[in-house]
Amino acid sequence: MTRISLRATSKAIKDSLSVAPAAKKTRSKKTTAVSANWTTGIAMGTAGPRRYRLYKPPGVQHHEQLPLLVMLHGCGQDAQAMASSSRMNQIAARERFFVLYPEQDRLSNLQGCWNWFDTRTGRAQAEENSIIAAIETVCLTQPVDRNKVALAGLSAGASMAVLLATQHPKRFAAIAMHSGIAPGVAHSSVGAIKAMFGQSVNPAPLPPIPRSTQLPSLLVIHGSADHIVALSNGEEAAMRWGERVGAKAGKSRTVQRGARYAATITDYKKAGHLIATLCVVDGLGHAWSGGAASQPFSDPKGPDASRMIWAFVAKQFERTVD
């Protein structure tokens, strides 16, 4: 499967290079530099081929071992929109890490949503496999430190991210869930819609996980004014993540910088170890907090979610090394 994926990726690269000579002459140095760091590939998983985008920080050497952050877009988005809204690539250029953006196929979901809820038919698991295939392809072709891989997502992408964490906990050092729903809450599209409005009847959103399995630390970011995915989903996810190992919620603290929305942060810790963090952004709707103003599902007034996510992830990477 890996060989098929690599051949498909190689073909995609060759096709992208097969441009008319005139186009090559008009391409500026700046465009060439950007395209060298922003590439397209194809990964083959059980859900079929899935396209992905990869951001590579400038000047990467083969002997380096850099972290990898996987970003899963939400409904109505694709890889390019997620990158433009979050501006995570700018942070990656400064902090030197790879950013992988797997992309949902529109034939699998007309709105471009990851089918995170469809676990009974196996469709969710198949899409998980395709995302893992993309991660593995990048790890095989780029100098990635496999001990420093993290996962983040928005909305349906956030729900898929936490589902992946419960199914493949050893692959990820940290998870960030922005405006999503925890796995186990819904198993159908109807159940997913109910959960979005906070009408879930399942009191335990996490699927059965062996007690001996250590889940990666979780960061939950959710807006208090989110009318698409109810805030109760984010609160429940953080609580259950901590409750599973007996972590207790610490005293909440409020942070506000300048004219940005205030954020109330609650940490769930056990024996001094951070298990989960809940960040409720006051006044934020269903949008990437601190995102680019020109993009949909993006609110520049909020605190910068991308910076928060990288700061959280980087701390977990340090903890993994220790």
Protein backbone atom coordinates (compact mmCIF):
# COMPACT_ATOMS: atom_id res chain seq x y z
CA MET A 1 0.00 0.00 0.00
CA THR A 2 2.89 2.32 0.82
CA ARG A 3 4.54 1.59 -2.55
CA ILE A 4 1.27 2.37 -4.35
CA SER A 5 0.96 5.61 -2.41
CA LEU A 6 4.54 6.63 -3.21
CA ARG A 7 4.05 5.87 -6.92
CA ALA A 8 0.86 7.94 -6.93
CA THR A 9 2.66 10.79 -5.19
CA SER A 10 5.53 10.59 -7.66
CA LYS A 11 3.09 10.72 -10.58
CA ALA A 12 1.31 13.75 -9.07
CA ILE A 13 4.65 15.54 -8.74
CA LYS A 14 5.64 14.70 -12.32
CA ASP A 15 2.26 15.88 -13.63
CA SER A 16 2.64 19.15 -11.75
CA LEU A 17 6.04 19.67 -13.35
CA SER A 18 4.73 18.99 -16.85
CA VAL A 19 3.91 22.63 -17.65
CA ALA A 20 4.41 24.57 -20.82
CA PRO A 21 7.84 26.16 -21.29
CA ALA A 22 6.25 29.61 -21.48
CA ALA A 23 4.71 29.14 -18.04
CA LYS A 24 8.10 28.23 -16.61
CA LYS A 25 9.63 31.45 -17.92
CA THR A 26 6.98 33.66 -16.35
CA ARG A 27 7.19 32.02 -12.94
CA SER A 28 8.79 34.34 -10.42
CA LYS A 29 11.45 33.33 -7.89
CA LYS A 30 9.02 34.02 -5.07
CA THR A 31 6.39 31.65 -6.54
CA THR A 32 9.01 28.95 -7.06
CA ALA A 33 10.17 29.25 -3.44
CA VAL A 34 6.61 28.99 -2.12
CA SER A 35 5.72 25.97 -4.28
CA ALA A 36 8.87 24.17 -3.15
CA ASN A 37 7.58 24.40 0.44
CA TRP A 38 3.91 23.77 -0.38
CA THR A 39 3.42 20.49 -2.22
CA THR A 40 0.59 18.12 -3.11
CA GLY A 41 0.58 14.35 -2.69
CA ILE A 42 -1.75 11.37 -2.76
CA ALA A 43 -2.06 8.70 -0.08
CA MET A 44 -3.77 5.35 -0.61
CA GLY A 45 -5.81 3.95 2.27
CA THR A 46 -8.79 1.65 2.65
CA ALA A 47 -11.13 4.56 1.89
CA GLY A 48 -9.37 4.99 -1.44
CA PRO A 49 -6.92 7.68 -2.58
CA ARG A 50 -6.88 10.92 -0.63
CA ARG A 51 -5.05 14.06 -1.63
CA TYR A 52 -2.99 15.95 0.88
CA ARG A 53 -0.99 19.14 1.10
CA LEU A 54 2.33 19.36 2.88
CA TYR A 55 4.13 22.43 4.16
CA LYS A 56 7.88 22.07 4.55
CA PRO A 57 9.81 24.81 6.40
CA PRO A 58 12.64 26.40 4.38
CA GLY A 59 16.08 24.84 4.36
CA VAL A 60 15.20 21.38 5.67
CA GLN A 61 18.22 19.04 5.68
CA HIS A 62 17.97 15.27 5.30
CA HIS A 63 19.83 14.67 8.54
CA GLU A 64 17.27 16.72 10.51
CA GLN A 65 14.39 15.21 12.45
CA LEU A 66 11.53 17.72 12.57
CA PRO A 67 8.11 17.52 14.28
CA LEU A 68 4.95 16.95 12.25
CA LEU A 69 1.59 18.61 12.91
CA VAL A 70 -1.40 17.09 11.09
CA MET A 71 -4.29 19.52 10.44
CA LEU A 72 -7.78 18.22 9.58
CA HIS A 73 -10.12 20.72 7.93
CA GLY A 74 -13.79 21.18 8.74
CA CYS A 75 -16.93 20.95 6.60
CA GLY A 76 -16.98 23.32 3.65
CA GLN A 77 -13.20 23.51 3.66
CA ASP A 78 -10.27 21.84 1.98
CA ALA A 79 -6.55 21.70 2.75
CA GLN A 80 -5.85 25.10 1.19
CA ALA A 81 -8.67 26.80 3.09
CA MET A 82 -7.51 25.28 6.38
CA ALA A 83 -3.97 26.49 5.80
CA SER A 84 -5.13 29.98 4.79
CA SER A 85 -7.50 30.34 7.73
CA SER A 86 -5.22 29.00 10.45
CA ARG A 87 -1.96 30.46 9.06
CA MET A 88 -0.23 27.54 10.71
CA ASN A 89 2.39 27.48 7.96
CA GLN A 90 3.73 30.84 9.15
CA ILE A 91 4.30 29.38 12.61
CA ALA A 92 5.84 26.27 11.07
CA ALA A 93 8.31 28.39 9.10
CA ARG A 94 9.41 30.15 12.28
CA GLU A 95 9.41 27.15 14.63
CA ARG A 96 10.55 24.61 11.99
CA PHE A 97 8.05 21.78 11.76
CA PHE A 98 6.13 20.07 8.96
CA VAL A 99 2.39 20.63 8.55
CA LEU A 100 0.31 17.96 6.82
CA TYR A 101 -3.21 18.73 5.58
CA PRO A 102 -5.10 15.55 4.57
CA GLU A 103 -8.11 16.32 2.39
CA GLN A 104 -11.53 14.67 2.37
CA ASP A 105 -12.87 13.46 -0.99
CA ARG A 106 -16.11 15.17 -2.07
CA LEU A 107 -17.43 11.83 -3.36
CA SER A 108 -17.31 10.59 0.24
CA ASN A 109 -19.04 13.69 1.59
CA LEU A 110 -20.51 16.45 -0.56
CA GLN A 111 -19.72 19.09 2.07
CA GLY A 112 -16.15 17.87 2.49
CA CYS A 113 -16.86 16.67 6.05
CA TRP A 114 -14.93 13.81 7.60
CA ASN A 115 -17.42 11.05 8.44
CA TRP A 116 -16.16 10.70 12.02
CA PHE A 117 -19.50 9.47 13.35
CA ASP A 118 -20.02 6.58 10.92
CA THR A 119 -18.27 3.91 12.97
CA ARG A 120 -20.97 1.22 12.64
CA THR A 121 -20.54 0.86 8.87
CA GLY A 122 -16.76 1.19 9.09
CA ARG A 123 -16.64 4.35 6.96
CA ALA A 124 -15.07 6.38 9.77
CA GLN A 125 -12.40 3.74 10.31
CA ALA A 126 -11.64 3.64 6.58
CA GLU A 127 -11.12 7.40 6.53
CA GLU A 128 -8.92 7.06 9.62
CA ASN A 129 -6.81 4.59 7.65
CA SER A 130 -6.45 7.03 4.76
CA ILE A 131 -5.24 9.76 7.13
CA ILE A 132 -2.77 7.35 8.73
CA ALA A 133 -1.58 6.41 5.22
CA ALA A 134 -0.90 10.09 4.46
CA ILE A 135 1.02 10.47 7.72
CA GLU A 136 3.05 7.34 6.99
CA THR A 137 3.83 8.53 3.46
CA VAL A 138 5.18 11.81 4.78
CA CYS A 139 7.17 10.06 7.51
CA LEU A 140 8.78 7.82 4.88
CA THR A 141 9.60 10.60 2.44
CA GLN A 142 10.52 13.46 4.78
CA PRO A 143 12.87 13.76 7.79
CA VAL A 144 10.09 13.51 10.39
CA ASP A 145 10.65 12.70 14.05
CA ARG A 146 8.07 9.96 14.63
CA ASN A 147 8.08 10.69 18.35
CA LYS A 148 6.89 14.23 17.66
CA VAL A 149 3.66 13.87 15.70
CA ALA A 150 0.55 15.78 16.78
CA LEU A 151 -2.95 16.14 15.41
CA ALA A 152 -5.36 19.10 15.28
CA GLY A 153 -8.69 19.70 13.62
CA LEU A 154 -11.65 22.04 13.25
CA SER A 155 -15.30 20.95 13.58
CA ALA A 156 -15.68 17.57 11.80
CA GLY A 157 -11.89 17.54 11.49
CA ALA A 158 -11.62 17.95 15.26
CA SER A 159 -14.00 15.04 15.81
CA MET A 160 -11.95 12.89 13.45
CA ALA A 161 -8.76 13.95 15.25
CA VAL A 162 -9.94 12.74 18.66
CA LEU A 163 -11.32 9.55 17.12
CA LEU A 164 -7.88 8.89 15.62
CA ALA A 165 -6.31 9.51 19.02
CA THR A 166 -8.48 6.87 20.67
CA GLN A 167 -7.78 4.34 17.93
CA HIS A 168 -4.06 5.07 17.44
CA PRO A 169 -2.93 6.64 20.74
CA LYS A 170 0.73 5.67 20.42
CA ARG A 171 1.15 7.55 17.14
CA PHE A 172 0.42 11.00 18.57
CA ALA A 173 2.03 13.05 21.33
CA ALA A 174 -0.82 15.58 21.53
CA ILE A 175 -4.29 16.31 20.14
CA ALA A 176 -6.05 19.66 19.62
CA MET A 177 -9.82 19.73 19.13
CA HIS A 178 -11.29 23.04 17.92
CA SER A 179 -15.11 23.26 17.93
CA GLY A 180 -15.62 19.50 17.66
CA ILE A 181 -17.49 16.55 19.15
CA ALA A 182 -15.88 13.70 21.06
CA PRO A 183 -16.01 10.18 19.55
CA GLY A 184 -18.64 7.75 20.80
CA VAL A 185 -21.38 10.38 21.03
CA ALA A 186 -22.94 9.57 17.64
CA HIS A 187 -22.94 6.62 15.23
CA SER A 188 -25.12 8.07 12.47
CA SER A 189 -25.70 11.36 10.70
CA VAL A 190 -28.89 11.88 12.72
CA GLY A 191 -27.01 11.25 15.96
CA ALA A 192 -24.27 13.63 14.86
CA ILE A 193 -26.79 16.42 14.21
CA LYS A 194 -28.35 15.90 17.64
CA ALA A 195 -24.92 15.99 19.24
CA MET A 196 -24.10 19.24 17.44
CA PHE A 197 -27.03 20.85 19.25
CA GLY A 198 -26.03 19.32 22.57
CA GLN A 199 -28.81 16.70 22.51
CA SER A 200 -26.63 13.62 22.92
CA VAL A 201 -28.11 10.93 25.17
CA ASN A 202 -24.83 9.03 25.55
CA PRO A 203 -23.30 9.97 28.93
CA ALA A 204 -19.82 8.66 28.02
CA PRO A 205 -18.56 9.97 24.66
CA LEU A 206 -15.25 8.05 24.66
CA PRO A 207 -15.34 4.61 23.04
CA PRO A 208 -14.14 1.64 25.13
CA ILE A 209 -10.38 2.03 25.67
CA PRO A 210 -8.23 -0.33 27.77
CA ARG A 211 -7.19 1.23 31.07
CA SER A 212 -3.58 0.42 30.27
CA THR A 213 -3.72 2.62 27.15
CA GLN A 214 -2.33 6.12 27.65
CA LEU A 215 -4.09 8.71 25.52
CA PRO A 216 -2.18 11.76 24.29
CA SER A 217 -2.82 15.06 26.07
CA LEU A 218 -5.83 16.94 24.71
CA LEU A 219 -6.40 20.64 24.08
CA VAL A 220 -10.03 21.66 23.52
CA ILE A 221 -10.83 25.10 22.10
CA HIS A 222 -14.50 26.05 21.79
CA GLY A 223 -16.48 29.26 21.40
CA SER A 224 -19.17 30.22 23.89
CA ALA A 225 -21.30 31.59 21.02
CA ASP A 226 -20.96 28.53 18.78
CA HIS A 227 -24.47 27.85 17.45
CA ILE A 228 -23.33 25.07 15.07
CA VAL A 229 -21.61 22.77 17.58
CA ALA A 230 -22.81 23.38 21.14
CA LEU A 231 -20.19 24.32 23.72
CA SER A 232 -21.30 21.38 25.87
CA ASN A 233 -19.52 19.08 23.39
CA GLY A 234 -16.13 20.63 24.08
CA GLU A 235 -16.73 20.71 27.83
CA GLU A 236 -17.80 17.07 27.81
CA ALA A 237 -14.79 15.97 25.77
CA ALA A 238 -12.26 17.59 28.12
CA MET A 239 -14.07 16.30 31.22
CA ARG A 240 -14.29 12.71 29.94
CA TRP A 241 -10.67 12.75 28.78
CA GLY A 242 -9.60 13.68 32.29
CA GLU A 243 -12.20 11.56 34.09
CA ARG A 244 -10.95 8.41 32.36
CA VAL A 245 -7.71 8.49 34.37
CA GLY A 246 -9.05 10.25 37.44
CA ALA A 247 -7.70 13.72 36.55
CA LYS A 248 -9.26 16.59 38.46
CA ALA A 249 -10.18 20.00 37.08
CA GLY A 250 -8.05 22.79 38.46
CA LYS A 251 -9.14 26.35 39.16
CA SER A 252 -10.24 28.10 35.97
CA ARG A 253 -8.37 31.22 34.90
CA THR A 254 -9.37 33.98 32.49
CA VAL A 255 -6.91 35.39 29.97
CA GLN A 256 -7.43 38.36 27.67
CA ARG A 257 -4.99 40.25 25.49
CA GLY A 258 -5.90 43.66 24.14
CA ALA A 259 -9.25 43.83 22.36
CA ARG A 260 -9.36 40.10 21.67
CA TYR A 261 -12.03 37.83 23.14
CA ALA A 262 -11.35 36.65 26.66
CA ALA A 263 -10.65 32.95 27.19
CA THR A 264 -11.41 30.85 30.25
CA ILE A 265 -8.91 28.03 30.65
CA THR A 266 -9.32 24.92 32.80
CA ASP A 267 -6.62 22.25 33.19
CA TYR A 268 -7.27 18.63 34.08
CA LYS A 269 -4.24 17.13 35.81
CA LYS A 270 -3.29 13.94 37.59
CA ALA A 271 -0.16 13.74 39.77
CA GLY A 272 1.06 16.96 38.19
CA HIS A 273 0.71 15.65 34.62
CA LEU A 274 -1.54 17.56 32.21
CA ILE A 275 -4.23 15.30 30.77
CA ALA A 276 -6.52 17.84 29.11
CA THR A 277 -7.01 21.60 28.79
CA LEU A 278 -10.33 23.29 28.04
CA CYS A 279 -10.20 26.77 26.52
CA VAL A 280 -13.60 28.46 26.21
CA VAL A 281 -13.40 31.60 24.08
CA ASP A 282 -16.05 34.13 25.13
CA GLY A 283 -18.06 35.40 22.14
CA LEU A 284 -16.47 33.10 19.54
CA GLY A 285 -18.82 31.36 17.12
CA HIS A 286 -18.13 28.33 14.94
CA ALA A 287 -14.84 29.61 13.59
CA TRP A 288 -11.09 29.25 13.91
CA SER A 289 -10.11 31.55 16.77
CA GLY A 290 -7.72 34.28 15.62
CA GLY A 291 -7.92 33.11 12.02
CA ALA A 292 -7.49 35.12 8.83
CA ALA A 293 -10.22 37.71 8.33
CA SER A 294 -10.65 36.91 4.63
CA GLN A 295 -11.59 33.27 5.23
CA PRO A 296 -14.95 31.65 6.12
CA PHE A 297 -15.15 29.80 9.47
CA SER A 298 -12.47 32.17 10.74
CA ASP A 299 -12.66 34.94 13.37
CA PRO A 300 -9.66 37.28 13.75
CA LYS A 301 -11.06 38.73 17.01
CA GLY A 302 -10.36 35.62 19.01
CA PRO A 303 -7.08 34.64 20.65
CA ASP A 304 -4.74 32.94 18.18
CA ALA A 305 -5.71 29.25 18.23
CA SER A 306 -2.75 28.31 16.02
CA ARG A 307 -0.27 29.78 18.47
CA MET A 308 -2.08 28.15 21.38
CA ILE A 309 -2.04 24.79 19.64
CA TRP A 310 1.65 24.93 18.79
CA ALA A 311 2.57 26.04 22.33
CA PHE A 312 0.53 23.14 23.75
CA VAL A 313 1.95 20.63 21.27
CA ALA A 314 5.55 21.77 21.77
CA LYS A 315 5.24 21.22 25.54
CA GLN A 316 3.98 17.69 24.97
CA PHE A 317 6.89 17.04 22.59
CA GLU A 318 9.30 18.09 25.34
CA ARG A 319 7.51 15.83 27.79
CA THR A 320 7.79 12.91 25.33
CA VAL A 321 11.55 13.44 25.03
CA ASP A 322 11.91 13.62 28.83
